């Protein structure tokens, strides 16, 4: 994490007690700064546009537009803002909908405060994160028959699509993205500069025709690239 500045956070959560608990957890920390909170999706979107926080902690079951819709709107006007879903919902369809909307992380509300802070720092640094129980669901679905790598490659060839060409180094970086490493961690692990790591990530996103690291990881697993 960049130690030169605090991570600004906006909470979008309709339950007062949950917001209070999050605020209490953040108050004693130097690395994060709560800048505002919203009780519904529309207000959350408006505040995000106005305040431009680094991180939005987003509930799913919100009054008005839900968290998935709010995430999609936020990502459409500024994909650089990180959205962390923090919810009690672990329904598979909602997980996929949230990831499809551009969420950078998916956490369940029983997460330990220290763990949540780690997730916030990792996502801020560019990593994607899924709650272990959610990750298991995602991987099981991706490893199902309809997502077998051989079938994915055959389908791609049948459609006459151009095969994705990644360099050996880009494959290394993509595998680390799938494993949840941030740009800084990738740079350290591969003994390259942070700027080189970011350049590799940008090239990978372009070649995979995706908008962010989460989509890259999903595509890499779904299509059997890694």
Protein backbone atom coordinates (compact mmCIF):
# COMPACT_ATOMS: atom_id res chain seq x y z
CA UNK A 1 0.00 0.00 0.00
CA UNK A 2 1.09 3.55 -0.65
CA UNK A 3 2.07 4.79 2.80
CA UNK A 4 2.04 8.44 1.80
CA UNK A 5 -1.71 8.87 2.01
CA UNK A 6 -4.74 7.39 3.72
CA UNK A 7 -7.25 5.28 1.83
CA UNK A 8 -10.51 7.20 1.60
CA UNK A 9 -13.61 5.06 2.12
CA UNK A 10 -17.32 5.56 1.52
CA UNK A 11 -19.74 3.15 3.21
CA UNK A 12 -23.01 2.35 1.44
CA UNK A 13 -25.06 0.40 3.96
CA UNK A 14 -28.68 0.72 5.10
CA UNK A 15 -28.23 -0.83 8.56
CA UNK A 16 -27.24 1.76 11.16
CA UNK A 17 -25.60 -0.77 13.48
CA UNK A 18 -23.38 -2.13 10.69
CA UNK A 19 -22.29 1.37 9.71
CA UNK A 20 -21.51 2.14 13.34
CA UNK A 21 -19.42 -1.02 13.66
CA UNK A 22 -17.44 -0.20 10.52
CA UNK A 23 -16.86 3.39 11.60
CA UNK A 24 -15.67 2.20 15.02
CA UNK A 25 -13.25 -0.24 13.38
CA UNK A 26 -11.81 2.49 11.15
CA UNK A 27 -11.50 5.24 13.75
CA UNK A 28 -8.33 3.90 15.35
CA UNK A 29 -6.53 3.25 12.07
CA UNK A 30 -4.07 5.55 10.35
CA UNK A 31 -4.14 3.86 6.96
CA UNK A 32 -7.84 4.39 6.19
CA UNK A 33 -10.14 7.40 6.42
CA UNK A 34 -13.92 7.25 6.38
CA UNK A 35 -15.10 10.24 4.36
CA UNK A 36 -18.84 9.63 4.27
CA UNK A 37 -21.67 7.11 4.40
CA UNK A 38 -24.94 6.49 2.57
CA UNK A 39 -28.09 4.60 3.51
CA UNK A 40 -29.25 3.70 -0.01
CA UNK A 41 -27.92 3.02 -3.49
CA UNK A 42 -28.86 6.31 -5.13
CA UNK A 43 -27.24 8.38 -2.38
CA UNK A 44 -24.19 6.14 -2.51
CA UNK A 45 -23.77 6.77 -6.24
CA UNK A 46 -24.24 10.52 -5.82
CA UNK A 47 -21.71 10.72 -2.97
CA UNK A 48 -19.23 8.61 -4.92
CA UNK A 49 -19.44 10.95 -7.90
CA UNK A 50 -19.00 13.97 -5.64
CA UNK A 51 -16.32 12.72 -3.23
CA UNK A 52 -14.41 10.25 -5.45
CA UNK A 53 -13.33 7.88 -2.65
CA UNK A 54 -10.60 5.30 -3.19
CA UNK A 55 -12.83 2.50 -1.90
CA UNK A 56 -16.60 2.04 -1.73
CA UNK A 57 -17.84 -0.57 0.76
CA UNK A 58 -21.09 -1.66 -0.86
CA UNK A 59 -23.96 -3.66 0.62
CA UNK A 60 -26.20 -5.55 -1.82
CA UNK A 61 -29.63 -5.38 -0.22
CA UNK A 62 -30.18 -1.63 -0.37
CA UNK A 63 -33.37 0.45 -0.64
CA UNK A 64 -33.96 1.78 -4.15
CA UNK A 65 -31.30 0.56 -6.54
CA UNK A 66 -29.44 -2.42 -5.14
CA UNK A 67 -25.72 -2.75 -4.60
CA UNK A 68 -25.13 -4.51 -7.92
CA UNK A 69 -26.83 -1.73 -9.87
CA UNK A 70 -24.99 0.93 -7.86
CA UNK A 71 -21.66 -0.82 -8.48
CA UNK A 72 -22.30 -0.93 -12.23
CA UNK A 73 -23.12 2.80 -12.33
CA UNK A 74 -20.02 3.70 -10.30
CA UNK A 75 -17.77 1.58 -12.50
CA UNK A 76 -19.21 3.08 -15.67
CA UNK A 77 -18.33 6.64 -14.70
CA UNK A 78 -15.01 5.86 -12.99
CA UNK A 79 -13.56 2.36 -13.20
CA UNK A 80 -10.64 3.49 -11.06
CA UNK A 81 -12.82 3.60 -7.94
CA UNK A 82 -12.59 0.24 -6.16
CA UNK A 83 -15.83 -1.36 -5.01
CA UNK A 84 -15.78 -3.96 -2.25
CA UNK A 85 -19.04 -5.84 -1.77
CA UNK A 86 -19.67 -6.34 1.95
CA UNK A 87 -22.82 -8.36 2.40
CA UNK A 88 -24.51 -11.27 4.13
CA UNK A 89 -25.67 -12.58 0.74
CA UNK A 90 -23.74 -15.58 -0.60
CA UNK A 91 -26.17 -16.55 -3.34
CA UNK A 92 -24.17 -17.71 -6.37
CA UNK A 93 -26.16 -15.63 -8.85
CA UNK A 94 -25.56 -12.49 -6.80
CA UNK A 95 -21.85 -13.24 -6.60
CA UNK A 96 -21.60 -13.50 -10.37
CA UNK A 97 -23.79 -10.46 -10.90
CA UNK A 98 -21.59 -8.39 -8.57
CA UNK A 99 -18.39 -9.51 -10.31
CA UNK A 100 -19.99 -8.86 -13.67
CA UNK A 101 -20.89 -5.34 -12.53
CA UNK A 102 -17.19 -4.72 -11.85
CA UNK A 103 -16.82 -5.34 -8.11
CA UNK A 104 -13.18 -5.70 -7.08
CA UNK A 105 -13.86 -7.84 -4.03
CA UNK A 106 -16.69 -9.82 -2.45
CA UNK A 107 -16.71 -10.13 1.35
CA UNK A 108 -19.23 -11.60 3.73
CA UNK A 109 -20.15 -9.58 6.81
CA UNK A 110 -18.77 -12.17 9.23
CA UNK A 111 -15.26 -11.22 8.10
CA UNK A 112 -12.90 -10.27 10.93
CA UNK A 113 -12.11 -6.52 11.11
CA UNK A 114 -8.36 -7.10 10.70
CA UNK A 115 -9.03 -9.25 7.67
CA UNK A 116 -11.27 -6.58 6.16
CA UNK A 117 -8.52 -3.98 6.57
CA UNK A 118 -6.14 -6.33 4.75
CA UNK A 119 -8.67 -6.73 1.93
CA UNK A 120 -9.09 -2.96 1.67
CA UNK A 121 -5.32 -2.45 1.44
CA UNK A 122 -4.92 -5.24 -1.11
CA UNK A 123 -7.75 -3.99 -3.32
CA UNK A 124 -6.40 -0.45 -3.08
CA UNK A 125 -3.06 -1.80 -4.35
CA UNK A 126 -4.81 -3.45 -7.30
CA UNK A 127 -5.63 -6.97 -6.15
CA UNK A 128 -8.97 -8.75 -6.46
CA UNK A 129 -10.34 -10.67 -3.46
CA UNK A 130 -13.11 -13.18 -2.85
CA UNK A 131 -14.31 -14.54 0.46
CA UNK A 132 -12.94 -18.11 0.73
CA UNK A 133 -16.43 -19.63 0.68
CA UNK A 134 -17.31 -17.54 -2.38
CA UNK A 135 -14.02 -18.38 -4.07
CA UNK A 136 -14.82 -22.07 -3.66
CA UNK A 137 -18.19 -21.53 -5.33
CA UNK A 138 -16.63 -19.61 -8.20
CA UNK A 139 -13.89 -22.17 -8.80
CA UNK A 140 -16.33 -25.08 -8.70
CA UNK A 141 -18.50 -23.41 -11.30
CA UNK A 142 -15.52 -22.51 -13.47
CA UNK A 143 -14.20 -26.08 -13.25
CA UNK A 144 -17.56 -27.53 -14.30
CA UNK A 145 -18.04 -29.40 -17.56
CA UNK A 146 -19.16 -26.39 -19.55
CA UNK A 147 -16.00 -24.52 -18.55
CA UNK A 148 -13.42 -27.25 -19.26
CA UNK A 149 -10.32 -25.69 -20.86
CA UNK A 150 -10.29 -28.13 -23.78
CA UNK A 151 -13.88 -27.31 -24.61
CA UNK A 152 -13.26 -23.59 -24.27
CA UNK A 153 -10.33 -23.78 -26.68
CA UNK A 154 -12.29 -25.94 -29.12
CA UNK A 155 -15.17 -23.49 -29.06
CA UNK A 156 -12.82 -20.61 -29.70
CA UNK A 157 -11.31 -22.39 -32.69
CA UNK A 158 -14.72 -23.39 -34.05
CA UNK A 159 -15.79 -19.75 -34.05
CA UNK A 160 -12.64 -18.80 -35.87
CA UNK A 161 -11.65 -16.36 -33.14
CA UNK A 162 -8.06 -15.23 -32.86
CA UNK A 163 -6.24 -17.11 -30.12
CA UNK A 164 -5.11 -14.92 -27.24
CA UNK A 165 -1.34 -14.50 -27.41
CA UNK A 166 0.39 -13.75 -24.11
CA UNK A 167 4.14 -13.64 -23.61
CA UNK A 168 5.74 -15.92 -21.04
CA UNK A 169 6.11 -12.98 -18.68
CA UNK A 170 2.48 -11.95 -19.16
CA UNK A 171 1.43 -15.51 -18.35
CA UNK A 172 3.42 -15.29 -15.12
CA UNK A 173 1.72 -12.01 -14.25
CA UNK A 174 -1.73 -13.36 -15.14
CA UNK A 175 -1.26 -16.35 -12.84
CA UNK A 176 -0.34 -13.97 -10.03
CA UNK A 177 -3.43 -11.85 -10.77
CA UNK A 178 -5.57 -14.99 -10.50
CA UNK A 179 -3.88 -15.74 -7.16
CA UNK A 180 -4.87 -12.29 -5.88
CA UNK A 181 -1.49 -10.53 -5.93
CA UNK A 182 -1.42 -6.72 -6.13
CA UNK A 183 0.78 -4.81 -8.59
CA UNK A 184 3.29 -4.11 -5.82
CA UNK A 185 3.41 -7.77 -4.83
CA UNK A 186 3.81 -8.85 -8.46
CA UNK A 187 6.70 -6.42 -8.88
CA UNK A 188 8.39 -7.75 -5.77
CA UNK A 189 7.84 -11.40 -6.69
CA UNK A 190 9.14 -11.00 -10.25
CA UNK A 191 11.95 -8.59 -9.30
CA UNK A 192 10.70 -5.81 -11.58
CA UNK A 193 9.65 -2.22 -10.99
CA UNK A 194 6.08 -1.31 -10.09
CA UNK A 195 5.82 0.55 -13.40
CA UNK A 196 6.84 -2.60 -15.30
CA UNK A 197 4.30 -4.67 -13.38
CA UNK A 198 1.55 -2.16 -14.16
CA UNK A 199 2.53 -2.18 -17.84
CA UNK A 200 2.25 -5.97 -17.97
CA UNK A 201 -1.17 -5.84 -16.29
CA UNK A 202 -2.39 -3.20 -18.77
CA UNK A 203 -1.19 -5.32 -21.70
CA UNK A 204 -2.96 -8.37 -20.30
CA UNK A 205 -6.25 -6.51 -19.84
CA UNK A 206 -6.03 -5.25 -23.41
CA UNK A 207 -5.26 -8.68 -24.87
CA UNK A 208 -8.05 -10.34 -22.89
CA UNK A 209 -10.48 -7.53 -23.84
CA UNK A 210 -11.50 -6.94 -20.22
CA UNK A 211 -11.76 -3.79 -18.12
CA UNK A 212 -10.22 -4.82 -14.82
CA UNK A 213 -8.23 -7.45 -12.94
CA UNK A 214 -11.28 -9.27 -11.58
CA UNK A 215 -12.64 -9.84 -15.08
CA UNK A 216 -9.16 -10.92 -16.22
CA UNK A 217 -8.96 -13.53 -13.45
CA UNK A 218 -12.44 -14.85 -14.24
CA UNK A 219 -11.72 -15.03 -17.97
CA UNK A 220 -8.38 -16.73 -17.37
CA UNK A 221 -10.03 -19.46 -15.29
CA UNK A 222 -13.15 -19.76 -17.43
CA UNK A 223 -11.24 -20.09 -20.71
CA UNK A 224 -8.51 -22.29 -19.31
CA UNK A 225 -5.75 -19.77 -20.04
CA UNK A 226 -3.97 -20.53 -16.75
